[in-house]
């Protein structure tokens, strides 16, 4: 075979700017009768823009104002969005056009009346920018793989990967296998350091197990005292600190349960492993001897809250992996303004 993160919630407010020249001056405070003048917040700095997909751009910046209520971001000097939060430092702009050049400005804001960003006392710093970015014309084609289906990142060093998934039910006659995991390495190096679950059939009967593995060694399975069932919500994390690798697996039981059913941690010291990639994968495993297993019919599995190096996956330029022979379909990685993200893999045939 082969923490949950809080995402900023955004209050969106579209406005029309009078013109590009409006981006070059600070907005004056509008004081109500008898009101105390508000100190204009310091402007942000280090604004960067990076294409996250053909239709979205990831914006990051450094906050310098101790008194801001949030920021306002301008797209092409034509429309803007208010992002509330004294410490907010990133935002994904969605619904853009592929192959298009965009430019962005940002400013700090203090809101007057709570909940009303246009109320009396609304004060804004000078605009910072522009930064330019061109969205790609299309997503890179999937990488065909004999085992893997899902998403990953390649290049650089990765010390942490994690995701949630719901254990899918296994169907099919005879002996069939399927595996769902997160892991480090495996694209450029010797090994994959991974933790996950299996949805198999043995003589036509479904069997579910949890495990960790450092390939090419076989997986280490959890005993029967920590069972896995179809429909359980799993959270898996693999992290490394030097030569020490930690494999964490959490079973939260059936969806919407709030009490942890069980957890398992393995700590392994092993020098010379591979940290040059990270993945969240649905897999058709290898059998002993190297032949592919017959893929179990797992229906659809969804990975969510995927992250690499403690950063949400949608902020990376990811690689899509697709099983050979059209055995599965991998849906586009969805990124939504409300902070949810993830992707689905759907069984097609064995």
C-alpha atoms as a PDB file:
ATOM      1  CA  UNK A   1       0.000   0.000   0.000  1.00  0.00           C
ATOM      2  CA  UNK A   2       1.573   2.225  -1.414  1.00  0.00           C
ATOM      3  CA  UNK A   3      -5.201  19.021  13.154  1.00  0.00           C
ATOM      4  CA  UNK A   4      -7.660  20.144  12.021  1.00  0.00           C
ATOM      5  CA  UNK A   5      -7.032  23.697  10.943  1.00  0.00           C
ATOM      6  CA  UNK A   6      -9.115  26.717  11.349  1.00  0.00           C
ATOM      7  CA  UNK A   7      -9.541  28.587   8.160  1.00  0.00           C
ATOM      8  CA  UNK A   8     -10.389  32.278   8.027  1.00  0.00           C
ATOM      9  CA  UNK A   9     -14.025  32.965   7.447  1.00  0.00           C
ATOM     10  CA  UNK A  10     -14.594  35.850   5.078  1.00  0.00           C
ATOM     11  CA  UNK A  11     -17.269  38.515   4.909  1.00  0.00           C
ATOM     12  CA  UNK A  12     -17.515  39.462   1.273  1.00  0.00           C
ATOM     13  CA  UNK A  13     -18.565  42.928   0.141  1.00  0.00           C
ATOM     14  CA  UNK A  14     -18.242  43.889  -3.507  1.00  0.00           C
ATOM     15  CA  UNK A  15     -17.881  47.596  -4.248  1.00  0.00           C
ATOM     16  CA  UNK A  16     -17.080  49.585  -7.349  1.00  0.00           C
ATOM     17  CA  UNK A  17     -14.034  51.836  -7.205  1.00  0.00           C
ATOM     18  CA  UNK A  18     -14.224  55.171  -8.929  1.00  0.00           C
ATOM     19  CA  UNK A  19     -10.995  54.516 -10.790  1.00  0.00           C
ATOM     20  CA  UNK A  20      -7.439  53.366 -10.538  1.00  0.00           C
ATOM     21  CA  UNK A  21      -6.412  56.655  -8.972  1.00  0.00           C
ATOM     22  CA  UNK A  22      -8.549  55.770  -5.963  1.00  0.00           C
ATOM     23  CA  UNK A  23      -6.044  53.027  -5.164  1.00  0.00           C
ATOM     24  CA  UNK A  24      -3.243  55.507  -4.591  1.00  0.00           C
ATOM     25  CA  UNK A  25      -4.714  57.457  -1.668  1.00  0.00           C
ATOM     26  CA  UNK A  26      -5.895  56.623   1.810  1.00  0.00           C
ATOM     27  CA  UNK A  27      -9.586  56.839   2.563  1.00  0.00           C
ATOM     28  CA  UNK A  28     -10.392  59.703   4.953  1.00  0.00           C
ATOM     29  CA  UNK A  29     -12.192  58.911   8.186  1.00  0.00           C
ATOM     30  CA  UNK A  30     -15.870  59.855   8.253  1.00  0.00           C
ATOM     31  CA  UNK A  31     -16.555  61.082  11.749  1.00  0.00           C
ATOM     32  CA  UNK A  32     -20.014  61.153  13.271  1.00  0.00           C
ATOM     33  CA  UNK A  33     -20.969  64.267  15.225  1.00  0.00           C
ATOM     34  CA  UNK A  34     -19.056  64.240  18.495  1.00  0.00           C
ATOM     35  CA  UNK A  35     -17.033  61.140  17.508  1.00  0.00           C
ATOM     36  CA  UNK A  36     -13.341  60.760  18.337  1.00  0.00           C
ATOM     37  CA  UNK A  37     -11.069  60.610  15.291  1.00  0.00           C
ATOM     38  CA  UNK A  38      -9.685  57.107  14.659  1.00  0.00           C
ATOM     39  CA  UNK A  39      -5.982  56.563  14.010  1.00  0.00           C
ATOM     40  CA  UNK A  40      -5.425  55.375  10.434  1.00  0.00           C
ATOM     41  CA  UNK A  41      -3.990  51.823  10.536  1.00  0.00           C
ATOM     42  CA  UNK A  42      -0.575  51.011   9.119  1.00  0.00           C
ATOM     43  CA  UNK A  43      -0.672  49.504   5.651  1.00  0.00           C
ATOM     44  CA  UNK A  44       0.176  45.820   5.088  1.00  0.00           C
ATOM     45  CA  UNK A  45       3.418  44.798   3.349  1.00  0.00           C
ATOM     46  CA  UNK A  46       4.910  41.875   1.422  1.00  0.00           C
ATOM     47  CA  UNK A  47       1.801  41.288  -0.674  1.00  0.00           C
ATOM     48  CA  UNK A  48       2.241  38.235  -2.916  1.00  0.00           C
ATOM     49  CA  UNK A  49      -0.057  36.597  -5.461  1.00  0.00           C
ATOM     50  CA  UNK A  50       0.308  33.022  -6.714  1.00  0.00           C
ATOM     51  CA  UNK A  51      -2.000  31.117  -9.033  1.00  0.00           C
ATOM     52  CA  UNK A  52      -3.591  28.232  -7.124  1.00  0.00           C
ATOM     53  CA  UNK A  53      -5.503  26.903 -10.145  1.00  0.00           C
ATOM     54  CA  UNK A  54      -6.655  28.147 -13.555  1.00  0.00           C
ATOM     55  CA  UNK A  55      -9.514  29.980 -11.806  1.00  0.00           C
ATOM     56  CA  UNK A  56      -8.106  31.012  -8.410  1.00  0.00           C
ATOM     57  CA  UNK A  57      -5.238  33.042  -6.942  1.00  0.00           C
ATOM     58  CA  UNK A  58      -3.743  32.726  -3.459  1.00  0.00           C
ATOM     59  CA  UNK A  59      -2.876  36.086  -1.846  1.00  0.00           C
ATOM     60  CA  UNK A  60      -0.658  36.439   1.234  1.00  0.00           C
ATOM     61  CA  UNK A  61       0.651  39.497   3.097  1.00  0.00           C
ATOM     62  CA  UNK A  62       2.179  40.764   6.348  1.00  0.00           C
ATOM     63  CA  UNK A  63       0.014  42.737   8.776  1.00  0.00           C
ATOM     64  CA  UNK A  64       1.614  45.819  10.338  1.00  0.00           C
ATOM     65  CA  UNK A  65      -1.392  47.471  12.009  1.00  0.00           C
ATOM     66  CA  UNK A  66      -2.155  46.829  15.661  1.00  0.00           C
ATOM     67  CA  UNK A  67      -5.605  48.382  15.351  1.00  0.00           C
ATOM     68  CA  UNK A  68      -7.009  46.945  12.120  1.00  0.00           C
ATOM     69  CA  UNK A  69     -10.352  45.158  11.892  1.00  0.00           C
ATOM     70  CA  UNK A  70      -9.414  43.482   8.620  1.00  0.00           C
ATOM     71  CA  UNK A  71      -8.216  44.233   5.114  1.00  0.00           C
ATOM     72  CA  UNK A  72      -9.700  45.198   1.782  1.00  0.00           C
ATOM     73  CA  UNK A  73      -8.318  43.620  -1.406  1.00  0.00           C
ATOM     74  CA  UNK A  74      -8.829  45.146  -4.847  1.00  0.00           C
ATOM     75  CA  UNK A  75      -8.871  43.187  -8.101  1.00  0.00           C
ATOM     76  CA  UNK A  76      -7.838  45.162 -11.200  1.00  0.00           C
ATOM     77  CA  UNK A  77      -9.075  48.373  -9.521  1.00  0.00           C
ATOM     78  CA  UNK A  78     -12.637  47.387 -10.430  1.00  0.00           C
ATOM     79  CA  UNK A  79     -13.962  45.291  -7.555  1.00  0.00           C
ATOM     80  CA  UNK A  80     -12.897  44.589  -4.000  1.00  0.00           C
ATOM     81  CA  UNK A  81     -13.529  42.276  -1.082  1.00  0.00           C
ATOM     82  CA  UNK A  82     -13.450  43.003   2.652  1.00  0.00           C
ATOM     83  CA  UNK A  83     -11.793  40.236   4.701  1.00  0.00           C
ATOM     84  CA  UNK A  84     -12.430  40.652   8.415  1.00  0.00           C
ATOM     85  CA  UNK A  85      -9.918  39.685  11.088  1.00  0.00           C
ATOM     86  CA  UNK A  86      -7.210  41.471  13.036  1.00  0.00           C
ATOM     87  CA  UNK A  87      -4.625  38.822  12.100  1.00  0.00           C
ATOM     88  CA  UNK A  88      -5.922  37.529   8.756  1.00  0.00           C
ATOM     89  CA  UNK A  89      -2.963  37.133   6.383  1.00  0.00           C
ATOM     90  CA  UNK A  90      -4.188  35.155   3.369  1.00  0.00           C
ATOM     91  CA  UNK A  91      -7.110  34.936   1.006  1.00  0.00           C
ATOM     92  CA  UNK A  92      -8.072  32.868  -2.064  1.00  0.00           C
ATOM     93  CA  UNK A  93      -9.722  34.861  -4.882  1.00  0.00           C
ATOM     94  CA  UNK A  94     -11.981  32.488  -6.823  1.00  0.00           C
ATOM     95  CA  UNK A  95     -14.001  32.536 -10.065  1.00  0.00           C
ATOM     96  CA  UNK A  96     -11.248  33.997 -12.228  1.00  0.00           C
ATOM     97  CA  UNK A  97     -10.629  33.223 -15.905  1.00  0.00           C
ATOM     98  CA  UNK A  98      -7.887  30.841 -17.081  1.00  0.00           C
ATOM     99  CA  UNK A  99      -4.911  32.336 -18.915  1.00  0.00           C
ATOM    100  CA  UNK A 100      -5.616  35.880 -17.704  1.00  0.00           C
ATOM    101  CA  UNK A 101      -3.294  38.467 -16.112  1.00  0.00           C
ATOM    102  CA  UNK A 102      -4.635  40.088 -12.918  1.00  0.00           C
ATOM    103  CA  UNK A 103      -3.321  42.694 -10.519  1.00  0.00           C
ATOM    104  CA  UNK A 104      -4.125  43.185  -6.840  1.00  0.00           C
ATOM    105  CA  UNK A 105      -3.878  45.902  -4.183  1.00  0.00           C
ATOM    106  CA  UNK A 106      -4.449  45.614  -0.428  1.00  0.00           C
ATOM    107  CA  UNK A 107      -5.136  48.040   2.458  1.00  0.00           C
ATOM    108  CA  UNK A 108      -5.794  47.736   6.193  1.00  0.00           C
ATOM    109  CA  UNK A 109      -9.187  48.781   7.536  1.00  0.00           C
ATOM    110  CA  UNK A 110     -10.865  49.792  10.764  1.00  0.00           C
ATOM    111  CA  UNK A 111     -14.623  49.324  10.740  1.00  0.00           C
ATOM    112  CA  UNK A 112     -16.877  51.804  12.484  1.00  0.00           C
ATOM    113  CA  UNK A 113     -20.201  50.272  13.451  1.00  0.00           C
ATOM    114  CA  UNK A 114     -19.689  46.538  14.209  1.00  0.00           C
ATOM    115  CA  UNK A 115     -20.932  44.521  11.282  1.00  0.00           C
ATOM    116  CA  UNK A 116     -21.137  47.584   9.041  1.00  0.00           C
ATOM    117  CA  UNK A 117     -17.841  48.191   7.223  1.00  0.00           C
ATOM    118  CA  UNK A 118     -19.215  51.374   5.656  1.00  0.00           C
ATOM    119  CA  UNK A 119     -20.440  52.927   8.900  1.00  0.00           C
ATOM    120  CA  UNK A 120     -19.171  56.078  10.615  1.00  0.00           C
ATOM    121  CA  UNK A 121     -15.525  55.832  11.601  1.00  0.00           C
ATOM    122  CA  UNK A 122     -14.570  53.513   8.751  1.00  0.00           C
ATOM    123  CA  UNK A 123     -10.836  54.211   8.246  1.00  0.00           C
ATOM    124  CA  UNK A 124      -8.489  52.730   5.672  1.00  0.00           C
ATOM    125  CA  UNK A 125      -4.714  52.759   5.168  1.00  0.00           C
ATOM    126  CA  UNK A 126      -3.001  53.628   1.925  1.00  0.00           C
ATOM    127  CA  UNK A 127      -3.184  50.984  -0.786  1.00  0.00           C
ATOM    128  CA  UNK A 128      -0.208  48.632  -1.226  1.00  0.00           C
ATOM    129  CA  UNK A 129       0.582  47.106  -4.620  1.00  0.00           C
ATOM    130  CA  UNK A 130       0.073  46.224  -7.287  1.00  0.00           C
ATOM    131  CA  UNK A 131       1.227  42.621  -7.555  1.00  0.00           C
ATOM    132  CA  UNK A 132       0.626  40.776 -10.811  1.00  0.00           C
ATOM    133  CA  UNK A 133      -0.177  37.152 -11.562  1.00  0.00           C
ATOM    134  CA  UNK A 134      -1.340  35.231 -14.632  1.00  0.00           C
ATOM    135  CA  UNK A 135      -3.606  32.242 -14.149  1.00  0.00           C
ATOM    136  CA  UNK A 136      -2.589  29.084 -16.055  1.00  0.00           C
ATOM    137  CA  UNK A 137      -4.569  28.238 -19.165  1.00  0.00           C
ATOM    138  CA  UNK A 138      -5.519  24.837 -17.775  1.00  0.00           C
ATOM    139  CA  UNK A 139      -4.631  22.418 -15.054  1.00  0.00           C
ATOM    140  CA  UNK A 140      -1.666  20.146 -15.732  1.00  0.00           C
ATOM    141  CA  UNK A 141      -2.701  16.764 -17.145  1.00  0.00           C
ATOM    142  CA  UNK A 142      -2.909  13.923 -14.602  1.00  0.00           C
ATOM    143  CA  UNK A 143       0.110  11.727 -14.061  1.00  0.00           C
ATOM    144  CA  UNK A 144      -0.862   8.148 -14.931  1.00  0.00           C
ATOM    145  CA  UNK A 145       0.206   5.781 -12.146  1.00  0.00           C
ATOM    146  CA  UNK A 146      -0.217   2.017 -11.809  1.00  0.00           C
ATOM    147  CA  UNK A 147      -1.278   2.318  -8.150  1.00  0.00           C
ATOM    148  CA  UNK A 148      -2.220   5.848  -7.162  1.00  0.00           C
ATOM    149  CA  UNK A 149      -5.207   8.140  -7.588  1.00  0.00           C
ATOM    150  CA  UNK A 150      -5.376  11.488  -5.796  1.00  0.00           C
ATOM    151  CA  UNK A 151      -3.321  14.631  -5.278  1.00  0.00           C
ATOM    152  CA  UNK A 152       0.179  15.450  -4.133  1.00  0.00           C
ATOM    153  CA  UNK A 153       3.044  17.929  -4.217  1.00  0.00           C
ATOM    154  CA  UNK A 154       6.520  17.317  -5.598  1.00  0.00           C
ATOM    155  CA  UNK A 155       9.761  19.284  -5.274  1.00  0.00           C
ATOM    156  CA  UNK A 156      11.150  20.783  -2.112  1.00  0.00           C
ATOM    157  CA  UNK A 157      11.103  19.190   1.335  1.00  0.00           C
ATOM    158  CA  UNK A 158       7.900  18.078   3.065  1.00  0.00           C
ATOM    159  CA  UNK A 159       7.826  17.271   6.768  1.00  0.00           C
ATOM    160  CA  UNK A 160       4.081  16.948   7.342  1.00  0.00           C
ATOM    161  CA  UNK A 161       0.994  15.753   5.493  1.00  0.00           C
ATOM    162  CA  UNK A 162      -2.521  15.135   6.741  1.00  0.00           C
ATOM    163  CA  UNK A 163      -6.146  14.678   5.681  1.00  0.00           C
ATOM    164  CA  UNK A 164      -9.555  13.364   6.726  1.00  0.00           C
ATOM    165  CA  UNK A 165     -11.528  10.693   4.876  1.00  0.00           C
ATOM    166  CA  UNK A 166     -14.578   8.508   5.387  1.00  0.00           C
ATOM    167  CA  UNK A 167     -13.782   4.776   5.216  1.00  0.00           C
ATOM    168  CA  UNK A 168     -15.648   3.549   2.119  1.00  0.00           C
ATOM    169  CA  UNK A 169     -17.535   0.247   2.038  1.00  0.00           C
ATOM    170  CA  UNK A 170     -15.875  -2.522   0.023  1.00  0.00           C
ATOM    171  CA  UNK A 171     -17.829  -4.628  -2.457  1.00  0.00           C
ATOM    172  CA  UNK A 172     -16.945  -7.393  -4.894  1.00  0.00           C
ATOM    173  CA  UNK A 173     -16.593 -11.144  -5.174  1.00  0.00           C
ATOM    174  CA  UNK A 174     -13.466 -13.032  -4.236  1.00  0.00           C
ATOM    175  CA  UNK A 175     -10.408 -11.220  -2.890  1.00  0.00           C
ATOM    176  CA  UNK A 176     -10.130  -7.529  -3.677  1.00  0.00           C
ATOM    177  CA  UNK A 177      -8.213  -4.629  -2.160  1.00  0.00           C
ATOM    178  CA  UNK A 178      -8.242  -0.831  -1.893  1.00  0.00           C
ATOM    179  CA  UNK A 179      -6.260   1.523   0.348  1.00  0.00           C
ATOM    180  CA  UNK A 180      -6.668   5.171   1.413  1.00  0.00           C
ATOM    181  CA  UNK A 181      -3.779   7.047   2.950  1.00  0.00           C
ATOM    182  CA  UNK A 182      -1.610  10.121   3.397  1.00  0.00           C
ATOM    183  CA  UNK A 183       2.142   9.924   3.129  1.00  0.00           C
ATOM    184  CA  UNK A 184       5.532  11.468   2.500  1.00  0.00           C
ATOM    185  CA  UNK A 185       7.858  10.469  -0.334  1.00  0.00           C
ATOM    186  CA  UNK A 186       7.500   7.854  -3.032  1.00  0.00           C
ATOM    187  CA  UNK A 187       7.780   9.945  -6.189  1.00  0.00           C
ATOM    188  CA  UNK A 188      11.522  10.556  -6.429  1.00  0.00           C
ATOM    189  CA  UNK A 189      13.003   8.428  -3.671  1.00  0.00           C
ATOM    190  CA  UNK A 190      13.173   4.970  -2.231  1.00  0.00           C
ATOM    191  CA  UNK A 191      10.230   4.908   0.095  1.00  0.00           C
ATOM    192  CA  UNK A 192       6.762   6.032   1.067  1.00  0.00           C
ATOM    193  CA  UNK A 193       6.080   6.822   4.727  1.00  0.00           C
ATOM    194  CA  UNK A 194       2.301   6.471   5.011  1.00  0.00           C
ATOM    195  CA  UNK A 195      -0.652   5.886   7.325  1.00  0.00           C
ATOM    196  CA  UNK A 196      -4.142   4.854   6.281  1.00  0.00           C
ATOM    197  CA  UNK A 197      -6.959   2.332   6.076  1.00  0.00           C
ATOM    198  CA  UNK A 198      -7.908  -0.554   3.792  1.00  0.00           C
ATOM    199  CA  UNK A 199     -11.315  -1.533   2.418  1.00  0.00           C
ATOM    200  CA  UNK A 200     -10.909  -5.098   1.124  1.00  0.00           C
ATOM    201  CA  UNK A 201     -12.968  -8.176   0.412  1.00  0.00           C
ATOM    202  CA  UNK A 202     -11.864 -11.664   1.462  1.00  0.00           C
ATOM    203  CA  UNK A 203     -13.878 -14.414  -0.239  1.00  0.00           C
ATOM    204  CA  UNK A 204     -16.471 -11.751  -0.980  1.00  0.00           C
ATOM    205  CA  UNK A 205     -16.744 -10.541   2.635  1.00  0.00           C
ATOM    206  CA  UNK A 206     -15.753  -6.961   3.487  1.00  0.00           C
ATOM    207  CA  UNK A 207     -12.736  -6.448   5.736  1.00  0.00           C
ATOM    208  CA  UNK A 208     -11.482  -3.124   7.118  1.00  0.00           C
ATOM    209  CA  UNK A 209      -8.101  -2.427   8.725  1.00  0.00           C
ATOM    210  CA  UNK A 210      -5.866   0.480   9.758  1.00  0.00           C
ATOM    211  CA  UNK A 211      -2.090   0.536   9.403  1.00  0.00           C
ATOM    212  CA  UNK A 212       1.131   2.426   8.856  1.00  0.00           C
ATOM    213  CA  UNK A 213       3.823   1.489   6.361  1.00  0.00           C
ATOM    214  CA  UNK A 214       7.329   2.435   5.254  1.00  0.00           C
ATOM    215  CA  UNK A 215       7.772   0.859   1.854  1.00  0.00           C
ATOM    216  CA  UNK A 216       9.227  -1.435   0.707  1.00  0.00           C
ATOM    217  CA  UNK A 217       8.544  -3.088   4.103  1.00  0.00           C
ATOM    218  CA  UNK A 218       5.045  -4.539   4.577  1.00  0.00           C
ATOM    219  CA  UNK A 219       2.362  -2.613   6.481  1.00  0.00           C
ATOM    220  CA  UNK A 220       2.012  -2.793  10.268  1.00  0.00           C
ATOM    221  CA  UNK A 221      -1.681  -3.300  11.107  1.00  0.00           C
ATOM    222  CA  UNK A 222      -3.563  -2.177  14.204  1.00  0.00           C
ATOM    223  CA  UNK A 223      -4.973  -5.019  16.268  1.00  0.00           C
ATOM    224  CA  UNK A 224      -8.627  -5.941  16.682  1.00  0.00           C
ATOM    225  CA  UNK A 225      -8.963  -3.825  19.842  1.00  0.00           C
ATOM    226  CA  UNK A 226      -9.033  -0.767  17.578  1.00  0.00           C
ATOM    227  CA  UNK A 227     -11.481  -1.804  14.829  1.00  0.00           C
ATOM    228  CA  UNK A 228     -12.288   0.133  11.666  1.00  0.00           C
ATOM    229  CA  UNK A 229     -15.768   0.181  10.136  1.00  0.00           C
ATOM    230  CA  UNK A 230     -17.180   1.451   6.866  1.00  0.00           C
ATOM    231  CA  UNK A 231     -18.392   4.997   7.408  1.00  0.00           C
ATOM    232  CA  UNK A 232     -15.845   5.878  10.105  1.00  0.00           C
ATOM    233  CA  UNK A 233     -14.311   9.336   9.804  1.00  0.00           C
ATOM    234  CA  UNK A 234     -10.537   8.992   9.869  1.00  0.00           C
ATOM    235  CA  UNK A 235      -7.827  11.606  10.344  1.00  0.00           C
ATOM    236  CA  UNK A 236      -4.290  10.671   9.339  1.00  0.00           C
ATOM    237  CA  UNK A 237      -1.062  12.639   9.804  1.00  0.00           C
ATOM    238  CA  UNK A 238       2.530  11.747   8.929  1.00  0.00           C
ATOM    239  CA  UNK A 239       5.291  14.055  10.183  1.00  0.00           C
ATOM    240  CA  UNK A 240       9.066  13.945  10.319  1.00  0.00           C
ATOM    241  CA  UNK A 241      11.690  15.649  12.444  1.00  0.00           C
ATOM    242  CA  UNK A 242      15.059  14.659  11.071  1.00  0.00           C
ATOM    243  CA  UNK A 243      15.185  10.844  10.978  1.00  0.00           C
ATOM    244  CA  UNK A 244      12.213  10.462  13.370  1.00  0.00           C
ATOM    245  CA  UNK A 245       8.839   9.797  11.729  1.00  0.00           C
ATOM    246  CA  UNK A 246       5.516   9.987  13.554  1.00  0.00           C
ATOM    247  CA  UNK A 247       2.397   8.298  12.202  1.00  0.00           C
ATOM    248  CA  UNK A 248      -0.897   9.436  13.791  1.00  0.00           C
ATOM    249  CA  UNK A 249      -4.283   7.920  13.041  1.00  0.00           C
ATOM    250  CA  UNK A 250      -7.586   8.955  14.628  1.00  0.00           C
ATOM    251  CA  UNK A 251     -10.942   7.187  14.309  1.00  0.00           C
ATOM    252  CA  UNK A 252     -13.815   9.570  15.067  1.00  0.00           C
ATOM    253  CA  UNK A 253     -16.481   6.946  14.446  1.00  0.00           C
ATOM    254  CA  UNK A 254     -19.434   7.634  12.233  1.00  0.00           C
ATOM    255  CA  UNK A 255     -19.742  11.076  10.563  1.00  0.00           C
ATOM    256  CA  UNK A 256     -20.841  13.956  12.805  1.00  0.00           C
ATOM    257  CA  UNK A 257     -19.631  12.143  15.948  1.00  0.00           C
ATOM    258  CA  UNK A 258     -17.815  14.472  18.335  1.00  0.00           C
ATOM    259  CA  UNK A 259     -16.140  11.892  20.583  1.00  0.00           C
ATOM    260  CA  UNK A 260     -12.913  10.231  19.511  1.00  0.00           C
ATOM    261  CA  UNK A 261     -13.363   6.467  19.135  1.00  0.00           C
ATOM    262  CA  UNK A 262      -9.668   5.621  19.263  1.00  0.00           C
ATOM    263  CA  UNK A 263      -6.236   6.910  18.248  1.00  0.00           C
ATOM    264  CA  UNK A 264      -2.923   5.302  17.444  1.00  0.00           C
ATOM    265  CA  UNK A 265       0.584   6.757  17.200  1.00  0.00           C
ATOM    266  CA  UNK A 266       3.692   5.041  15.887  1.00  0.00           C
ATOM    267  CA  UNK A 267       7.140   6.655  16.174  1.00  0.00           C
ATOM    268  CA  UNK A 268       9.909   5.242  13.979  1.00  0.00           C
ATOM    269  CA  UNK A 269      13.532   6.307  13.587  1.00  0.00           C
ATOM    270  CA  UNK A 270      14.802   5.501  10.104  1.00  0.00           C
ATOM    271  CA  UNK A 271      17.533   7.521   8.334  1.00  0.00           C
ATOM    272  CA  UNK A 272      17.635   8.042   4.606  1.00  0.00           C
ATOM    273  CA  UNK A 273      13.918   8.112   3.837  1.00  0.00           C
ATOM    274  CA  UNK A 274      12.266  10.281   1.189  1.00  0.00           C
ATOM    275  CA  UNK A 275      10.710  13.674   1.997  1.00  0.00           C
ATOM    276  CA  UNK A 276      10.664  15.184  -1.502  1.00  0.00           C
ATOM    277  CA  UNK A 277       6.933  14.687  -2.067  1.00  0.00           C
ATOM    278  CA  UNK A 278       3.671  14.373  -0.120  1.00  0.00           C
ATOM    279  CA  UNK A 279       0.344  12.821  -1.120  1.00  0.00           C
ATOM    280  CA  UNK A 280      -3.273  11.980  -0.269  1.00  0.00           C
ATOM    281  CA  UNK A 281      -4.087   8.830  -2.228  1.00  0.00           C
ATOM    282  CA  UNK A 282      -6.669   6.156  -3.027  1.00  0.00           C
ATOM    283  CA  UNK A 283      -4.637   3.124  -4.098  1.00  0.00           C
ATOM    284  CA  UNK A 284      -4.867  -0.175  -5.893  1.00  0.00           C
ATOM    285  CA  UNK A 285      -2.226  -1.989  -3.806  1.00  0.00           C
ATOM    286  CA  UNK A 286       0.470  -4.396  -4.906  1.00  0.00           C
ATOM    287  CA  UNK A 287       0.264  -8.052  -3.947  1.00  0.00           C
ATOM    288  CA  UNK A 288       3.313  -9.907  -2.582  1.00  0.00           C
ATOM    289  CA  UNK A 289       5.501 -10.456  -5.598  1.00  0.00           C
ATOM    290  CA  UNK A 290       4.587  -7.131  -7.219  1.00  0.00           C
ATOM    291  CA  UNK A 291       1.383  -7.892  -9.143  1.00  0.00           C
ATOM    292  CA  UNK A 292      -1.534  -5.502  -8.749  1.00  0.00           C
ATOM    293  CA  UNK A 293      -4.425  -6.593  -6.557  1.00  0.00           C
ATOM    294  CA  UNK A 294      -7.919  -6.719  -8.011  1.00  0.00           C
ATOM    295  CA  UNK A 295      -9.366  -3.328  -7.060  1.00  0.00           C
ATOM    296  CA  UNK A 296     -12.301  -3.489  -4.631  1.00  0.00           C
ATOM    297  CA  UNK A 297     -15.423  -1.545  -5.536  1.00  0.00           C
ATOM    298  CA  UNK A 298     -15.228   1.220  -2.930  1.00  0.00           C
ATOM    299  CA  UNK A 299     -17.840   3.522  -4.477  1.00  0.00           C
ATOM    300  CA  UNK A 300     -16.629   7.059  -3.750  1.00  0.00           C
ATOM    301  CA  UNK A 301     -14.157   8.276  -1.149  1.00  0.00           C
ATOM    302  CA  UNK A 302     -13.626  11.945  -0.302  1.00  0.00           C
ATOM    303  CA  UNK A 303     -10.461  13.382   1.199  1.00  0.00           C
ATOM    304  CA  UNK A 304     -10.917  16.704   3.001  1.00  0.00           C
ATOM    305  CA  UNK A 305      -8.839  19.197   5.001  1.00  0.00           C
ATOM    306  CA  UNK A 306      -5.723  18.092   3.120  1.00  0.00           C
ATOM    307  CA  UNK A 307      -2.555  19.908   4.177  1.00  0.00           C
ATOM    308  CA  UNK A 308       1.182  19.855   3.485  1.00  0.00           C
ATOM    309  CA  UNK A 309       3.710  21.354   5.934  1.00  0.00           C
ATOM    310  CA  UNK A 310       0.820  22.719   8.052  1.00  0.00           C
ATOM    311  CA  UNK A 311      -0.459  24.675   5.020  1.00  0.00           C
ATOM    312  CA  UNK A 312      -3.797  23.963   3.269  1.00  0.00           C
ATOM    313  CA  UNK A 313      -3.259  21.905   0.118  1.00  0.00           C
ATOM    314  CA  UNK A 314      -5.127  24.342  -2.124  1.00  0.00           C
ATOM    315  CA  UNK A 315      -2.310  26.849  -1.642  1.00  0.00           C
ATOM    316  CA  UNK A 316       0.077  24.536  -3.534  1.00  0.00           C
ATOM    317  CA  UNK A 317       0.410  23.751  -7.221  1.00  0.00           C
ATOM    318  CA  UNK A 318      -0.566  20.096  -6.950  1.00  0.00           C
ATOM    319  CA  UNK A 319      -0.055  17.041  -9.143  1.00  0.00           C
ATOM    320  CA  UNK A 320      -3.058  14.855  -9.972  1.00  0.00           C
ATOM    321  CA  UNK A 321      -2.473  11.093 -10.015  1.00  0.00           C
ATOM    322  CA  UNK A 322      -4.731   8.768 -12.016  1.00  0.00           C
ATOM    323  CA  UNK A 323      -4.823   4.970 -12.042  1.00  0.00           C
ATOM    324  CA  UNK A 324      -4.027   3.323 -15.358  1.00  0.00           C
ATOM    325  CA  UNK A 325      -6.878   1.865 -17.380  1.00  0.00           C
ATOM    326  CA  UNK A 326      -9.556   4.289 -16.211  1.00  0.00           C
ATOM    327  CA  UNK A 327     -10.268   2.264 -13.071  1.00  0.00           C
ATOM    328  CA  UNK A 328     -11.309   5.377 -11.169  1.00  0.00           C
ATOM    329  CA  UNK A 329     -12.272   8.999 -11.712  1.00  0.00           C
ATOM    330  CA  UNK A 330     -10.503  11.734  -9.756  1.00  0.00           C
ATOM    331  CA  UNK A 331     -12.609  14.858  -9.316  1.00  0.00           C
ATOM    332  CA  UNK A 332     -11.135  18.342  -9.436  1.00  0.00           C
ATOM    333  CA  UNK A 333      -9.730  19.593  -6.138  1.00  0.00           C
ATOM    334  CA  UNK A 334     -12.398  21.957  -4.831  1.00  0.00           C
ATOM    335  CA  UNK A 335     -11.509  25.095  -2.903  1.00  0.00           C
ATOM    336  CA  UNK A 336     -14.332  27.176  -1.512  1.00  0.00           C
ATOM    337  CA  UNK A 337     -14.388  30.606   0.135  1.00  0.00           C
ATOM    338  CA  UNK A 338     -15.896  29.116   3.325  1.00  0.00           C
ATOM    339  CA  UNK A 339     -12.662  27.239   4.000  1.00  0.00           C
ATOM    340  CA  UNK A 340     -13.748  23.725   2.988  1.00  0.00           C
ATOM    341  CA  UNK A 341     -11.617  21.835   0.512  1.00  0.00           C
ATOM    342  CA  UNK A 342     -10.922  18.363  -0.786  1.00  0.00           C
ATOM    343  CA  UNK A 343     -11.471  15.932  -3.630  1.00  0.00           C
ATOM    344  CA  UNK A 344     -13.330  12.730  -4.496  1.00  0.00           C
ATOM    345  CA  UNK A 345     -12.137   9.490  -6.086  1.00  0.00           C
ATOM    346  CA  UNK A 346     -14.834   7.272  -7.600  1.00  0.00           C
ATOM    347  CA  UNK A 347     -14.505   3.589  -8.535  1.00  0.00           C
ATOM    348  CA  UNK A 348     -15.221   2.764 -12.198  1.00  0.00           C
ATOM    349  CA  UNK A 349     -14.075  -0.830 -12.745  1.00  0.00           C
ATOM    350  CA  UNK A 350     -11.471  -3.393 -11.669  1.00  0.00           C
END
